[in-house]
Amino acid sequence: MSNLITNYNLVYKGSELGEIKDLIDELKNKQYTFTIIPEEIIYMNNGIKYYYIEAESKDSKVLINSYGSEAEELFKQVHERSFFGN
């Protein structure tokens, strides 16, 4: 695997939450394997919700960090679509 790492930071900006679903679909379509999927949303010391996932393909690794409502949506998309064990 190369050292190509892409880090997506999803920060609340009033964006369409459907963009998160589209991002997850794109990763799946490009044959990424989800390697880290925490089972719970994390609450940071300041009370803001935080969630992340990690996905790998044969050529790259993707880290997706999300905060606030985006953290909730990322969690929902990943868990509803049963990516565990992938």
C-alpha atoms as a PDB file:
ATOM      1  CA  MET A   1       0.000   0.000   0.000  1.00  0.00           C
ATOM      2  CA  SER A   2       1.242   3.467  -0.819  1.00  0.00           C
ATOM      3  CA  ASN A   3       1.445   6.242   1.730  1.00  0.00           C
ATOM      4  CA  LEU A   4      -1.475   8.113   0.183  1.00  0.00           C
ATOM      5  CA  ILE A   5      -3.784   9.101   3.034  1.00  0.00           C
ATOM      6  CA  THR A   6      -6.844  11.269   2.547  1.00  0.00           C
ATOM      7  CA  ASN A   7      -8.344  12.886   5.613  1.00  0.00           C
ATOM      8  CA  TYR A   8     -11.930  14.119   5.310  1.00  0.00           C
ATOM      9  CA  ASN A   9     -13.097  16.485   8.025  1.00  0.00           C
ATOM     10  CA  LEU A  10     -16.872  16.855   8.117  1.00  0.00           C
ATOM     11  CA  VAL A  11     -17.633  19.957  10.126  1.00  0.00           C
ATOM     12  CA  TYR A  12     -21.117  21.334  10.617  1.00  0.00           C
ATOM     13  CA  LYS A  13     -21.697  24.012   8.021  1.00  0.00           C
ATOM     14  CA  GLY A  14     -25.367  23.581   7.259  1.00  0.00           C
ATOM     15  CA  SER A  15     -24.561  21.180   4.433  1.00  0.00           C
ATOM     16  CA  GLU A  16     -26.842  18.477   3.144  1.00  0.00           C
ATOM     17  CA  LEU A  17     -26.510  15.373   5.292  1.00  0.00           C
ATOM     18  CA  GLY A  18     -27.024  13.343   2.092  1.00  0.00           C
ATOM     19  CA  GLU A  19     -23.431  14.238   1.228  1.00  0.00           C
ATOM     20  CA  ILE A  20     -22.267  11.830   3.934  1.00  0.00           C
ATOM     21  CA  LYS A  21     -24.319   9.013   2.395  1.00  0.00           C
ATOM     22  CA  ASP A  22     -22.832   9.863  -1.010  1.00  0.00           C
ATOM     23  CA  LEU A  23     -19.301   9.777   0.428  1.00  0.00           C
ATOM     24  CA  ILE A  24     -19.881   6.352   1.993  1.00  0.00           C
ATOM     25  CA  ASP A  25     -21.402   5.068  -1.281  1.00  0.00           C
ATOM     26  CA  GLU A  26     -18.403   6.343  -3.219  1.00  0.00           C
ATOM     27  CA  LEU A  27     -15.954   4.575  -0.917  1.00  0.00           C
ATOM     28  CA  LYS A  28     -17.896   1.308  -1.170  1.00  0.00           C
ATOM     29  CA  ASN A  29     -18.086   1.584  -4.965  1.00  0.00           C
ATOM     30  CA  LYS A  30     -14.319   2.095  -5.112  1.00  0.00           C
ATOM     31  CA  GLN A  31     -13.801  -1.163  -3.177  1.00  0.00           C
ATOM     32  CA  TYR A  32     -12.662   0.380   0.099  1.00  0.00           C
ATOM     33  CA  THR A  33     -12.734  -1.826   3.182  1.00  0.00           C
ATOM     34  CA  PHE A  34     -13.819  -0.157   6.395  1.00  0.00           C
ATOM     35  CA  THR A  35     -11.102  -1.054   8.891  1.00  0.00           C
ATOM     36  CA  ILE A  36     -12.054   1.057  11.921  1.00  0.00           C
ATOM     37  CA  ILE A  37     -15.707   1.601  12.844  1.00  0.00           C
ATOM     38  CA  PRO A  38     -16.206   2.644  16.469  1.00  0.00           C
ATOM     39  CA  GLU A  39     -19.386   1.294  18.057  1.00  0.00           C
ATOM     40  CA  GLU A  40     -20.332   4.583  19.720  1.00  0.00           C
ATOM     41  CA  ILE A  41     -20.213   8.327  19.143  1.00  0.00           C
ATOM     42  CA  ILE A  42     -17.566  10.008  21.272  1.00  0.00           C
ATOM     43  CA  TYR A  43     -18.287  13.118  23.322  1.00  0.00           C
ATOM     44  CA  MET A  44     -15.271  15.410  23.484  1.00  0.00           C
ATOM     45  CA  ASN A  45     -14.417  17.336  26.678  1.00  0.00           C
ATOM     46  CA  ASN A  46     -16.301  20.373  25.380  1.00  0.00           C
ATOM     47  CA  GLY A  47     -19.449  18.268  24.808  1.00  0.00           C
ATOM     48  CA  ILE A  48     -19.266  18.206  21.011  1.00  0.00           C
ATOM     49  CA  LYS A  49     -20.074  14.866  19.399  1.00  0.00           C
ATOM     50  CA  TYR A  50     -17.238  13.282  17.407  1.00  0.00           C
ATOM     51  CA  TYR A  51     -17.174  10.199  15.201  1.00  0.00           C
ATOM     52  CA  TYR A  52     -14.639   8.807  12.778  1.00  0.00           C
ATOM     53  CA  ILE A  53     -14.071   5.847  10.481  1.00  0.00           C
ATOM     54  CA  GLU A  54     -11.092   4.539   8.587  1.00  0.00           C
ATOM     55  CA  ALA A  55     -11.211   2.812   5.209  1.00  0.00           C
ATOM     56  CA  GLU A  56      -8.485   1.282   3.044  1.00  0.00           C
ATOM     57  CA  SER A  57      -8.089   0.205  -0.536  1.00  0.00           C
ATOM     58  CA  LYS A  58      -5.042  -1.425  -2.059  1.00  0.00           C
ATOM     59  CA  ASP A  59      -3.672   2.027  -2.936  1.00  0.00           C
ATOM     60  CA  SER A  60      -4.792   4.388  -0.203  1.00  0.00           C
ATOM     61  CA  LYS A  61      -6.270   4.974   3.220  1.00  0.00           C
ATOM     62  CA  VAL A  62      -9.120   7.343   4.087  1.00  0.00           C
ATOM     63  CA  LEU A  63      -9.829   8.813   7.520  1.00  0.00           C
ATOM     64  CA  ILE A  64     -13.199  10.488   7.971  1.00  0.00           C
ATOM     65  CA  ASN A  65     -13.653  12.754  11.001  1.00  0.00           C
ATOM     66  CA  SER A  66     -17.062  14.209  11.778  1.00  0.00           C
ATOM     67  CA  TYR A  67     -18.449  16.539  14.410  1.00  0.00           C
ATOM     68  CA  GLY A  68     -21.888  17.504  15.714  1.00  0.00           C
ATOM     69  CA  SER A  69     -24.822  16.519  13.509  1.00  0.00           C
ATOM     70  CA  GLU A  70     -22.418  15.155  10.896  1.00  0.00           C
ATOM     71  CA  ALA A  71     -21.070  12.745  13.535  1.00  0.00           C
ATOM     72  CA  GLU A  72     -24.596  11.494  14.132  1.00  0.00           C
ATOM     73  CA  GLU A  73     -25.244  11.083  10.402  1.00  0.00           C
ATOM     74  CA  LEU A  74     -21.937   9.292   9.737  1.00  0.00           C
ATOM     75  CA  PHE A  75     -22.631   6.937  12.638  1.00  0.00           C
ATOM     76  CA  LYS A  76     -26.143   6.298  11.305  1.00  0.00           C
ATOM     77  CA  GLN A  77     -24.996   5.630   7.732  1.00  0.00           C
ATOM     78  CA  VAL A  78     -22.224   3.269   8.754  1.00  0.00           C
ATOM     79  CA  HIS A  79     -24.269   1.299  11.272  1.00  0.00           C
ATOM     80  CA  GLU A  80     -27.544   1.114   9.334  1.00  0.00           C
ATOM     81  CA  ARG A  81     -25.773  -0.182   6.283  1.00  0.00           C
ATOM     82  CA  SER A  82     -24.042  -2.980   8.187  1.00  0.00           C
ATOM     83  CA  PHE A  83     -20.431  -2.266   7.350  1.00  0.00           C
ATOM     84  CA  PHE A  84     -19.263  -4.294  10.332  1.00  0.00           C
ATOM     85  CA  GLY A  85     -17.066  -7.182   9.332  1.00  0.00           C
ATOM     86  CA  ASN A  86     -16.293  -5.605   5.973  1.00  0.00           C
END
